[in-house]
Amino acid sequence: EMRAALWARDVLRLPVRIVFTSAAQRRHSAFPRWLISRMDAVIATTARAAEFVPHVRAVVPHGVDTDLFRPAPDRAGAWAALGHGGSMGIATIGRIRPEKGTDLFVDAMLRLLPDLPGAVALVVGRAAKEHRRFELEIKDRVQRAGLMGRIRFPGEVAPSDLPALMRALSLVVQLPRYEGYGMAPLEGMASGVPFVGSETGYFEAFSQQGRCGLVVPCEAATAAAEMARDILSDPGRHAAMAREARAVTTGTFSAAAEAQGIAGVYRSLWQ
């Protein structure tokens, strides 16, 4: 798309402006860097991402539809309706692969679930062909621990079903080894669900210094289990984090706020 846009602007001389949005928290390779340097404006999704690209006109975080993702009036009832058993749900959402830290989530749940008899953990997503062996190895660890009934692999969830899943959860746990941004904690927050996440993506900003979620170092499955236990074993703290998560999302990380920020950049290009 960038090459086509450059052709339209620079060769065909069409009256267009080109805007690129970057979430990557790393240096781009040479050709993408050249393409990005030719943009009229760049929007970065985070201040960290802005350090790696030129011509940044604004930092505009990705937002979530806070009407679609909203808290459940009855979390326990919403969880029961999903049919996964137990009295509370914990989930990680995303492709099953090493980069996403699916194995770290399972390690954390193997440590956590014996202390929370009512909890059920979901690995929501699928493995691509090249990661099927990785998936089988994870499932084998769960099987050997005797927890296949409590660490479940329901596969991908249709986008239309994701809001109902999110609002039924008690905790979102995302432990990727690398993440450019990361929407799952944000969708959970909009649904009134706190999170535990690794120190990547935009998770630190989402956490609001621990008011909405807790961040642990990458590869720290044991610390993630401890943080999850601290939240879920304290109903008052969990409720306060859930309320704050919803408030922060509607105030700062909504799709409406994102649209306003992007629109401001577009308007500036034609002034």
C-alpha atoms as a PDB file:
ATOM      1  CA  GLU A   1       0.000   0.000   0.000  1.00  0.00           C
ATOM      2  CA  MET A   2       2.822   2.400   0.787  1.00  0.00           C
ATOM      3  CA  ARG A   3       4.451   1.849  -2.606  1.00  0.00           C
ATOM      4  CA  ALA A   4       1.139   2.314  -4.408  1.00  0.00           C
ATOM      5  CA  ALA A   5       0.482   5.510  -2.478  1.00  0.00           C
ATOM      6  CA  LEU A   6       3.941   6.863  -3.295  1.00  0.00           C
ATOM      7  CA  TRP A   7       3.384   6.093  -6.978  1.00  0.00           C
ATOM      8  CA  ALA A   8       0.057   7.925  -6.877  1.00  0.00           C
ATOM      9  CA  ARG A   9       1.511  10.975  -5.136  1.00  0.00           C
ATOM     10  CA  ASP A  10       4.971  11.288  -6.682  1.00  0.00           C
ATOM     11  CA  VAL A  11       4.541   9.852 -10.187  1.00  0.00           C
ATOM     12  CA  LEU A  12       0.898  10.424 -11.023  1.00  0.00           C
ATOM     13  CA  ARG A  13       0.916  13.683  -9.041  1.00  0.00           C
ATOM     14  CA  LEU A  14      -2.434  12.959  -7.476  1.00  0.00           C
ATOM     15  CA  PRO A  15      -3.510  15.227  -4.594  1.00  0.00           C
ATOM     16  CA  VAL A  16      -3.059  12.658  -1.845  1.00  0.00           C
ATOM     17  CA  ARG A  17      -1.362  12.643   1.535  1.00  0.00           C
ATOM     18  CA  ILE A  18       0.165   9.480   2.952  1.00  0.00           C
ATOM     19  CA  VAL A  19      -0.062   8.566   6.626  1.00  0.00           C
ATOM     20  CA  PHE A  20       1.623   5.532   8.186  1.00  0.00           C
ATOM     21  CA  THR A  21       0.809   4.146  11.624  1.00  0.00           C
ATOM     22  CA  SER A  22       3.617   2.360  13.476  1.00  0.00           C
ATOM     23  CA  ALA A  23       3.331   0.190  16.573  1.00  0.00           C
ATOM     24  CA  ALA A  24       6.710  -1.566  16.310  1.00  0.00           C
ATOM     25  CA  GLN A  25       9.039  -1.064  19.254  1.00  0.00           C
ATOM     26  CA  ARG A  26      12.134  -1.868  17.246  1.00  0.00           C
ATOM     27  CA  ARG A  27      14.153  -0.482  14.349  1.00  0.00           C
ATOM     28  CA  HIS A  28      12.626  -1.234  10.954  1.00  0.00           C
ATOM     29  CA  SER A  29      14.772  -2.809   8.233  1.00  0.00           C
ATOM     30  CA  ALA A  30      16.266  -0.635   5.491  1.00  0.00           C
ATOM     31  CA  PHE A  31      13.549  -0.659   2.826  1.00  0.00           C
ATOM     32  CA  PRO A  32      10.637  -0.093   5.232  1.00  0.00           C
ATOM     33  CA  ARG A  33      12.662   2.747   6.802  1.00  0.00           C
ATOM     34  CA  TRP A  34      12.997   4.383   3.401  1.00  0.00           C
ATOM     35  CA  LEU A  35       9.290   3.992   2.696  1.00  0.00           C
ATOM     36  CA  ILE A  36       8.383   5.449   6.089  1.00  0.00           C
ATOM     37  CA  SER A  37      10.717   8.396   5.486  1.00  0.00           C
ATOM     38  CA  ARG A  38       8.622   9.281   2.425  1.00  0.00           C
ATOM     39  CA  MET A  39       5.367   9.557   4.355  1.00  0.00           C
ATOM     40  CA  ASP A  40       3.668  12.905   4.848  1.00  0.00           C
ATOM     41  CA  ALA A  41       2.991  12.013   8.469  1.00  0.00           C
ATOM     42  CA  VAL A  42       3.512   9.129  10.844  1.00  0.00           C
ATOM     43  CA  ILE A  43       1.256   8.198  13.733  1.00  0.00           C
ATOM     44  CA  ALA A  44       2.891   6.177  16.506  1.00  0.00           C
ATOM     45  CA  THR A  45       0.735   4.105  18.804  1.00  0.00           C
ATOM     46  CA  THR A  46       3.097   4.607  21.747  1.00  0.00           C
ATOM     47  CA  ALA A  47       5.832   6.999  22.796  1.00  0.00           C
ATOM     48  CA  ARG A  48       8.272   4.090  22.588  1.00  0.00           C
ATOM     49  CA  ALA A  49       7.239   3.300  18.997  1.00  0.00           C
ATOM     50  CA  ALA A  50       7.724   6.973  18.124  1.00  0.00           C
ATOM     51  CA  GLU A  51      11.441   6.640  18.889  1.00  0.00           C
ATOM     52  CA  PHE A  52      11.952   4.360  15.872  1.00  0.00           C
ATOM     53  CA  VAL A  53      10.243   6.316  13.063  1.00  0.00           C
ATOM     54  CA  PRO A  54      10.600   9.823  11.566  1.00  0.00           C
ATOM     55  CA  HIS A  55       7.961  12.478  10.915  1.00  0.00           C
ATOM     56  CA  VAL A  56       5.810  11.516  13.894  1.00  0.00           C
ATOM     57  CA  ARG A  57       2.871  13.899  13.874  1.00  0.00           C
ATOM     58  CA  ALA A  58       1.119  12.417  16.915  1.00  0.00           C
ATOM     59  CA  VAL A  59       1.113   9.535  19.371  1.00  0.00           C
ATOM     60  CA  VAL A  60      -2.350   7.988  19.199  1.00  0.00           C
ATOM     61  CA  PRO A  61      -2.909   4.745  21.142  1.00  0.00           C
ATOM     62  CA  HIS A  62      -5.081   2.089  19.568  1.00  0.00           C
ATOM     63  CA  GLY A  63      -8.507   2.063  21.164  1.00  0.00           C
ATOM     64  CA  VAL A  64     -11.253  -0.435  21.850  1.00  0.00           C
ATOM     65  CA  ASP A  65     -14.992  -0.232  21.207  1.00  0.00           C
ATOM     66  CA  THR A  66     -16.229   0.407  24.726  1.00  0.00           C
ATOM     67  CA  ASP A  67     -19.848  -0.166  23.714  1.00  0.00           C
ATOM     68  CA  LEU A  68     -19.073  -3.625  22.357  1.00  0.00           C
ATOM     69  CA  PHE A  69     -16.640  -4.543  25.133  1.00  0.00           C
ATOM     70  CA  ARG A  70     -18.424  -3.738  28.384  1.00  0.00           C
ATOM     71  CA  PRO A  71     -18.693  -5.301  31.857  1.00  0.00           C
ATOM     72  CA  ALA A  72     -21.165  -8.084  32.557  1.00  0.00           C
ATOM     73  CA  PRO A  73     -23.966  -7.253  35.015  1.00  0.00           C
ATOM     74  CA  ASP A  74     -23.365 -10.713  36.500  1.00  0.00           C
ATOM     75  CA  ARG A  75     -19.825 -11.979  35.877  1.00  0.00           C
ATOM     76  CA  ALA A  76     -20.443 -15.364  37.532  1.00  0.00           C
ATOM     77  CA  GLY A  77     -23.562 -15.917  35.463  1.00  0.00           C
ATOM     78  CA  ALA A  78     -21.786 -14.893  32.267  1.00  0.00           C
ATOM     79  CA  TRP A  79     -18.972 -17.343  32.996  1.00  0.00           C
ATOM     80  CA  ALA A  80     -21.379 -20.176  33.798  1.00  0.00           C
ATOM     81  CA  ALA A  81     -23.177 -19.565  30.493  1.00  0.00           C
ATOM     82  CA  LEU A  82     -19.987 -20.328  28.560  1.00  0.00           C
ATOM     83  CA  GLY A  83     -19.982 -23.898  29.860  1.00  0.00           C
ATOM     84  CA  HIS A  84     -16.317 -24.254  30.758  1.00  0.00           C
ATOM     85  CA  GLY A  85     -16.978 -25.217  34.367  1.00  0.00           C
ATOM     86  CA  GLY A  86     -15.559 -23.788  37.548  1.00  0.00           C
ATOM     87  CA  SER A  87     -16.532 -20.539  39.199  1.00  0.00           C
ATOM     88  CA  MET A  88     -14.089 -18.143  37.512  1.00  0.00           C
ATOM     89  CA  GLY A  89     -12.241 -17.874  34.224  1.00  0.00           C
ATOM     90  CA  ILE A  90      -8.702 -16.841  33.338  1.00  0.00           C
ATOM     91  CA  ALA A  91      -7.611 -16.595  29.715  1.00  0.00           C
ATOM     92  CA  THR A  92      -4.815 -15.783  27.344  1.00  0.00           C
ATOM     93  CA  ILE A  93      -5.880 -14.762  23.856  1.00  0.00           C
ATOM     94  CA  GLY A  94      -3.801 -15.030  20.694  1.00  0.00           C
ATOM     95  CA  ARG A  95      -1.966 -17.381  18.376  1.00  0.00           C
ATOM     96  CA  ILE A  96      -0.389 -20.396  20.053  1.00  0.00           C
ATOM     97  CA  ARG A  97       3.316 -19.874  19.449  1.00  0.00           C
ATOM     98  CA  PRO A  98       6.503 -19.120  21.401  1.00  0.00           C
ATOM     99  CA  GLU A  99       6.488 -15.381  20.640  1.00  0.00           C
ATOM    100  CA  LYS A 100       3.072 -15.062  22.282  1.00  0.00           C
ATOM    101  CA  GLY A 101       4.313 -16.828  25.416  1.00  0.00           C
ATOM    102  CA  THR A 102       1.612 -19.491  25.403  1.00  0.00           C
ATOM    103  CA  ASP A 103       3.979 -21.845  27.206  1.00  0.00           C
ATOM    104  CA  LEU A 104       4.594 -19.204  29.879  1.00  0.00           C
ATOM    105  CA  PHE A 105       0.856 -18.835  30.431  1.00  0.00           C
ATOM    106  CA  VAL A 106       0.539 -22.590  30.882  1.00  0.00           C
ATOM    107  CA  ASP A 107       3.505 -22.621  33.286  1.00  0.00           C
ATOM    108  CA  ALA A 108       1.849 -19.866  35.314  1.00  0.00           C
ATOM    109  CA  MET A 109      -1.463 -21.729  35.400  1.00  0.00           C
ATOM    110  CA  LEU A 110       0.214 -24.961  36.494  1.00  0.00           C
ATOM    111  CA  ARG A 111       1.490 -23.023  39.505  1.00  0.00           C
ATOM    112  CA  LEU A 112      -1.697 -21.050  40.142  1.00  0.00           C
ATOM    113  CA  LEU A 113      -4.628 -23.413  39.701  1.00  0.00           C
ATOM    114  CA  PRO A 114      -3.848 -25.753  42.623  1.00  0.00           C
ATOM    115  CA  ASP A 115      -4.329 -22.709  44.890  1.00  0.00           C
ATOM    116  CA  LEU A 116      -7.618 -21.660  43.235  1.00  0.00           C
ATOM    117  CA  PRO A 117      -9.897 -24.710  43.080  1.00  0.00           C
ATOM    118  CA  GLY A 118     -12.692 -22.853  41.276  1.00  0.00           C
ATOM    119  CA  ALA A 119     -10.557 -21.383  38.497  1.00  0.00           C
ATOM    120  CA  VAL A 120     -10.462 -22.615  34.906  1.00  0.00           C
ATOM    121  CA  ALA A 121      -7.853 -21.343  32.435  1.00  0.00           C
ATOM    122  CA  LEU A 122      -8.443 -20.970  28.699  1.00  0.00           C
ATOM    123  CA  VAL A 123      -5.864 -20.849  25.918  1.00  0.00           C
ATOM    124  CA  VAL A 124      -7.906 -19.033  23.288  1.00  0.00           C
ATOM    125  CA  GLY A 125      -6.396 -19.232  19.818  1.00  0.00           C
ATOM    126  CA  ARG A 126      -4.977 -21.695  17.340  1.00  0.00           C
ATOM    127  CA  ALA A 127      -1.554 -22.868  16.302  1.00  0.00           C
ATOM    128  CA  ALA A 128      -0.325 -22.465  12.733  1.00  0.00           C
ATOM    129  CA  LYS A 129       1.075 -25.582  11.091  1.00  0.00           C
ATOM    130  CA  GLU A 130       4.649 -24.703  12.015  1.00  0.00           C
ATOM    131  CA  HIS A 131       3.677 -24.399  15.695  1.00  0.00           C
ATOM    132  CA  ARG A 132       1.623 -27.583  16.065  1.00  0.00           C
ATOM    133  CA  ARG A 133       4.511 -29.400  17.753  1.00  0.00           C
ATOM    134  CA  PHE A 134       4.837 -26.521  20.224  1.00  0.00           C
ATOM    135  CA  GLU A 135       1.106 -26.809  20.967  1.00  0.00           C
ATOM    136  CA  LEU A 136       1.328 -30.572  21.484  1.00  0.00           C
ATOM    137  CA  GLU A 137       4.247 -30.149  23.889  1.00  0.00           C
ATOM    138  CA  ILE A 138       2.240 -27.662  25.942  1.00  0.00           C
ATOM    139  CA  LYS A 139      -0.797 -29.929  26.046  1.00  0.00           C
ATOM    140  CA  ASP A 140       1.410 -32.831  27.103  1.00  0.00           C
ATOM    141  CA  ARG A 141       2.658 -30.819  30.096  1.00  0.00           C
ATOM    142  CA  VAL A 142      -0.923 -30.052  31.086  1.00  0.00           C
ATOM    143  CA  GLN A 143      -1.875 -33.708  30.690  1.00  0.00           C
ATOM    144  CA  ARG A 144       1.040 -34.878  32.833  1.00  0.00           C
ATOM    145  CA  ALA A 145       0.017 -32.394  35.524  1.00  0.00           C
ATOM    146  CA  GLY A 146      -3.505 -33.832  35.528  1.00  0.00           C
ATOM    147  CA  LEU A 147      -5.077 -30.472  34.687  1.00  0.00           C
ATOM    148  CA  MET A 148      -6.570 -30.987  31.208  1.00  0.00           C
ATOM    149  CA  GLY A 149     -10.019 -30.354  32.632  1.00  0.00           C
ATOM    150  CA  ARG A 150      -8.935 -27.013  34.074  1.00  0.00           C
ATOM    151  CA  ILE A 151      -6.532 -25.718  31.419  1.00  0.00           C
ATOM    152  CA  ARG A 152      -8.609 -25.877  28.285  1.00  0.00           C
ATOM    153  CA  PHE A 153      -7.871 -25.251  24.623  1.00  0.00           C
ATOM    154  CA  PRO A 154     -11.131 -24.139  22.976  1.00  0.00           C
ATOM    155  CA  GLY A 155      -9.434 -22.901  19.803  1.00  0.00           C
ATOM    156  CA  GLU A 156     -10.167 -19.598  18.145  1.00  0.00           C
ATOM    157  CA  VAL A 157     -13.163 -17.576  19.208  1.00  0.00           C
ATOM    158  CA  ALA A 158     -15.099 -15.758  16.500  1.00  0.00           C
ATOM    159  CA  PRO A 159     -14.790 -11.965  16.737  1.00  0.00           C
ATOM    160  CA  SER A 160     -18.538 -11.755  17.309  1.00  0.00           C
ATOM    161  CA  ASP A 161     -18.201 -14.039  20.352  1.00  0.00           C
ATOM    162  CA  LEU A 162     -15.132 -12.392  21.868  1.00  0.00           C
ATOM    163  CA  PRO A 163     -16.965  -9.653  23.829  1.00  0.00           C
ATOM    164  CA  ALA A 164     -19.107 -12.244  25.628  1.00  0.00           C
ATOM    165  CA  LEU A 165     -15.992 -14.232  26.524  1.00  0.00           C
ATOM    166  CA  MET A 166     -14.099 -11.187  27.753  1.00  0.00           C
ATOM    167  CA  ARG A 167     -16.812  -9.925  30.075  1.00  0.00           C
ATOM    168  CA  ALA A 168     -17.190 -13.397  31.607  1.00  0.00           C
ATOM    169  CA  LEU A 169     -13.516 -13.615  32.625  1.00  0.00           C
ATOM    170  CA  SER A 170     -12.070 -12.707  35.991  1.00  0.00           C
ATOM    171  CA  LEU A 171      -8.535 -12.134  34.705  1.00  0.00           C
ATOM    172  CA  VAL A 172      -6.690 -11.771  31.403  1.00  0.00           C
ATOM    173  CA  VAL A 173      -3.091 -13.013  31.411  1.00  0.00           C
ATOM    174  CA  GLN A 174      -0.875 -12.106  28.442  1.00  0.00           C
ATOM    175  CA  LEU A 175       2.798 -13.102  28.676  1.00  0.00           C
ATOM    176  CA  PRO A 176       4.287 -12.537  25.210  1.00  0.00           C
ATOM    177  CA  ARG A 177       8.018 -12.420  24.715  1.00  0.00           C
ATOM    178  CA  TYR A 178       7.473  -9.555  22.272  1.00  0.00           C
ATOM    179  CA  GLU A 179       4.394  -7.489  21.494  1.00  0.00           C
ATOM    180  CA  GLY A 180       4.147  -4.340  19.415  1.00  0.00           C
ATOM    181  CA  TYR A 181       1.049  -3.090  21.211  1.00  0.00           C
ATOM    182  CA  GLY A 182      -1.334  -5.776  22.493  1.00  0.00           C
ATOM    183  CA  MET A 183      -5.116  -5.384  22.372  1.00  0.00           C
ATOM    184  CA  ALA A 184      -6.216  -8.296  24.577  1.00  0.00           C
ATOM    185  CA  PRO A 185      -5.562  -6.567  27.933  1.00  0.00           C
ATOM    186  CA  LEU A 186      -7.353  -3.486  26.633  1.00  0.00           C
ATOM    187  CA  GLU A 187     -10.417  -5.461  25.527  1.00  0.00           C
ATOM    188  CA  GLY A 188     -10.447  -7.078  28.939  1.00  0.00           C
ATOM    189  CA  MET A 189     -10.142  -3.729  30.707  1.00  0.00           C
ATOM    190  CA  ALA A 190     -13.086  -2.336  28.749  1.00  0.00           C
ATOM    191  CA  SER A 191     -15.012  -5.396  29.939  1.00  0.00           C
ATOM    192  CA  GLY A 192     -14.132  -4.686  33.564  1.00  0.00           C
ATOM    193  CA  VAL A 193     -11.427  -7.363  33.712  1.00  0.00           C
ATOM    194  CA  PRO A 194      -7.969  -6.617  35.170  1.00  0.00           C
ATOM    195  CA  PHE A 195      -4.870  -8.214  33.681  1.00  0.00           C
ATOM    196  CA  VAL A 196      -1.416  -9.582  34.334  1.00  0.00           C
ATOM    197  CA  GLY A 197       1.010  -8.967  31.481  1.00  0.00           C
ATOM    198  CA  SER A 198       4.668  -9.204  30.590  1.00  0.00           C
ATOM    199  CA  GLU A 199       6.911  -6.186  30.235  1.00  0.00           C
ATOM    200  CA  THR A 200       6.352  -5.625  26.525  1.00  0.00           C
ATOM    201  CA  GLY A 201       3.836  -3.997  24.229  1.00  0.00           C
ATOM    202  CA  TYR A 202       1.912  -1.136  25.813  1.00  0.00           C
ATOM    203  CA  PHE A 203       1.061  -3.168  28.897  1.00  0.00           C
ATOM    204  CA  GLU A 204       2.858  -0.879  31.347  1.00  0.00           C
ATOM    205  CA  ALA A 205       0.789   2.099  30.206  1.00  0.00           C
ATOM    206  CA  PHE A 206      -2.410   0.047  30.344  1.00  0.00           C
ATOM    207  CA  SER A 207      -1.627  -0.984  33.920  1.00  0.00           C
ATOM    208  CA  GLN A 208      -1.743   2.609  35.217  1.00  0.00           C
ATOM    209  CA  GLN A 209       0.842   1.861  37.913  1.00  0.00           C
ATOM    210  CA  GLY A 210      -0.993  -1.260  39.053  1.00  0.00           C
ATOM    211  CA  ARG A 211      -4.477   0.216  39.232  1.00  0.00           C
ATOM    212  CA  CYS A 212      -5.781  -1.727  36.216  1.00  0.00           C
ATOM    213  CA  GLY A 213      -3.270  -4.543  35.862  1.00  0.00           C
ATOM    214  CA  LEU A 214       0.108  -5.841  36.958  1.00  0.00           C
ATOM    215  CA  VAL A 215       3.204  -6.161  34.785  1.00  0.00           C
ATOM    216  CA  VAL A 216       5.961  -8.730  35.315  1.00  0.00           C
ATOM    217  CA  PRO A 217       9.291  -9.195  33.516  1.00  0.00           C
ATOM    218  CA  CYS A 218       9.286 -11.263  30.344  1.00  0.00           C
ATOM    219  CA  GLU A 219       9.775 -15.008  30.912  1.00  0.00           C
ATOM    220  CA  ALA A 220       8.552 -14.631  34.517  1.00  0.00           C
ATOM    221  CA  ALA A 221       5.846 -17.290  34.724  1.00  0.00           C
ATOM    222  CA  THR A 222       6.273 -17.714  38.476  1.00  0.00           C
ATOM    223  CA  ALA A 223       5.871 -13.987  39.112  1.00  0.00           C
ATOM    224  CA  ALA A 224       2.809 -13.946  36.844  1.00  0.00           C
ATOM    225  CA  ALA A 225       1.235 -16.746  38.867  1.00  0.00           C
ATOM    226  CA  GLU A 226       1.917 -14.868  42.095  1.00  0.00           C
ATOM    227  CA  MET A 227       0.431 -11.622  40.747  1.00  0.00           C
ATOM    228  CA  ALA A 228      -2.645 -13.446  39.474  1.00  0.00           C
ATOM    229  CA  ARG A 229      -3.070 -15.127  42.856  1.00  0.00           C
ATOM    230  CA  ASP A 230      -2.802 -11.788  44.645  1.00  0.00           C
ATOM    231  CA  ILE A 231      -5.567 -10.268  42.511  1.00  0.00           C
ATOM    232  CA  LEU A 232      -7.956 -13.211  42.463  1.00  0.00           C
ATOM    233  CA  SER A 233      -7.653 -14.028  46.158  1.00  0.00           C
ATOM    234  CA  ASP A 234      -8.628 -10.477  47.181  1.00  0.00           C
ATOM    235  CA  PRO A 235     -12.215  -9.732  46.031  1.00  0.00           C
ATOM    236  CA  GLY A 236     -12.043  -6.103  47.132  1.00  0.00           C
ATOM    237  CA  ARG A 237      -8.864  -5.443  45.207  1.00  0.00           C
ATOM    238  CA  HIS A 238     -10.188  -7.291  42.165  1.00  0.00           C
ATOM    239  CA  ALA A 239     -13.383  -5.221  42.170  1.00  0.00           C
ATOM    240  CA  ALA A 240     -11.446  -1.955  42.487  1.00  0.00           C
ATOM    241  CA  MET A 241      -9.121  -2.892  39.616  1.00  0.00           C
ATOM    242  CA  ALA A 242     -12.096  -3.912  37.476  1.00  0.00           C
ATOM    243  CA  ARG A 243     -13.783  -0.540  38.017  1.00  0.00           C
ATOM    244  CA  GLU A 244     -10.607   1.397  37.321  1.00  0.00           C
ATOM    245  CA  ALA A 245      -9.877  -0.661  34.209  1.00  0.00           C
ATOM    246  CA  ARG A 246     -13.251   0.221  32.729  1.00  0.00           C
ATOM    247  CA  ALA A 247     -12.899   3.906  33.640  1.00  0.00           C
ATOM    248  CA  VAL A 248      -9.403   4.223  32.168  1.00  0.00           C
ATOM    249  CA  THR A 249     -10.438   2.517  28.949  1.00  0.00           C
ATOM    250  CA  THR A 250     -13.468   4.707  28.368  1.00  0.00           C
ATOM    251  CA  GLY A 251     -11.494   7.825  29.217  1.00  0.00           C
ATOM    252  CA  THR A 252      -8.185   7.182  27.455  1.00  0.00           C
ATOM    253  CA  PHE A 253      -8.156   4.046  25.323  1.00  0.00           C
ATOM    254  CA  SER A 254     -11.512   4.123  23.547  1.00  0.00           C
ATOM    255  CA  ALA A 255     -11.935   3.743  19.796  1.00  0.00           C
ATOM    256  CA  ALA A 256     -13.612   7.153  19.835  1.00  0.00           C
ATOM    257  CA  ALA A 257     -10.494   8.766  21.340  1.00  0.00           C
ATOM    258  CA  GLU A 258      -8.333   7.010  18.742  1.00  0.00           C
ATOM    259  CA  ALA A 259     -10.561   8.269  15.919  1.00  0.00           C
ATOM    260  CA  GLN A 260     -10.324  11.832  17.219  1.00  0.00           C
ATOM    261  CA  GLY A 261      -6.536  11.643  17.373  1.00  0.00           C
ATOM    262  CA  ILE A 262      -6.229  10.259  13.845  1.00  0.00           C
ATOM    263  CA  ALA A 263      -8.695  12.810  12.489  1.00  0.00           C
ATOM    264  CA  GLY A 264      -6.577  15.588  13.965  1.00  0.00           C
ATOM    265  CA  VAL A 265      -3.544  14.359  12.025  1.00  0.00           C
ATOM    266  CA  TYR A 266      -5.526  14.120   8.788  1.00  0.00           C
ATOM    267  CA  ARG A 267      -6.883  17.642   9.212  1.00  0.00           C
ATOM    268  CA  SER A 268      -3.404  19.025   9.822  1.00  0.00           C
ATOM    269  CA  LEU A 269      -2.177  17.659   6.486  1.00  0.00           C
ATOM    270  CA  TRP A 270      -4.611  19.795   4.510  1.00  0.00           C
ATOM    271  CA  GLN A 271      -4.206  23.054   6.387  1.00  0.00           C
END
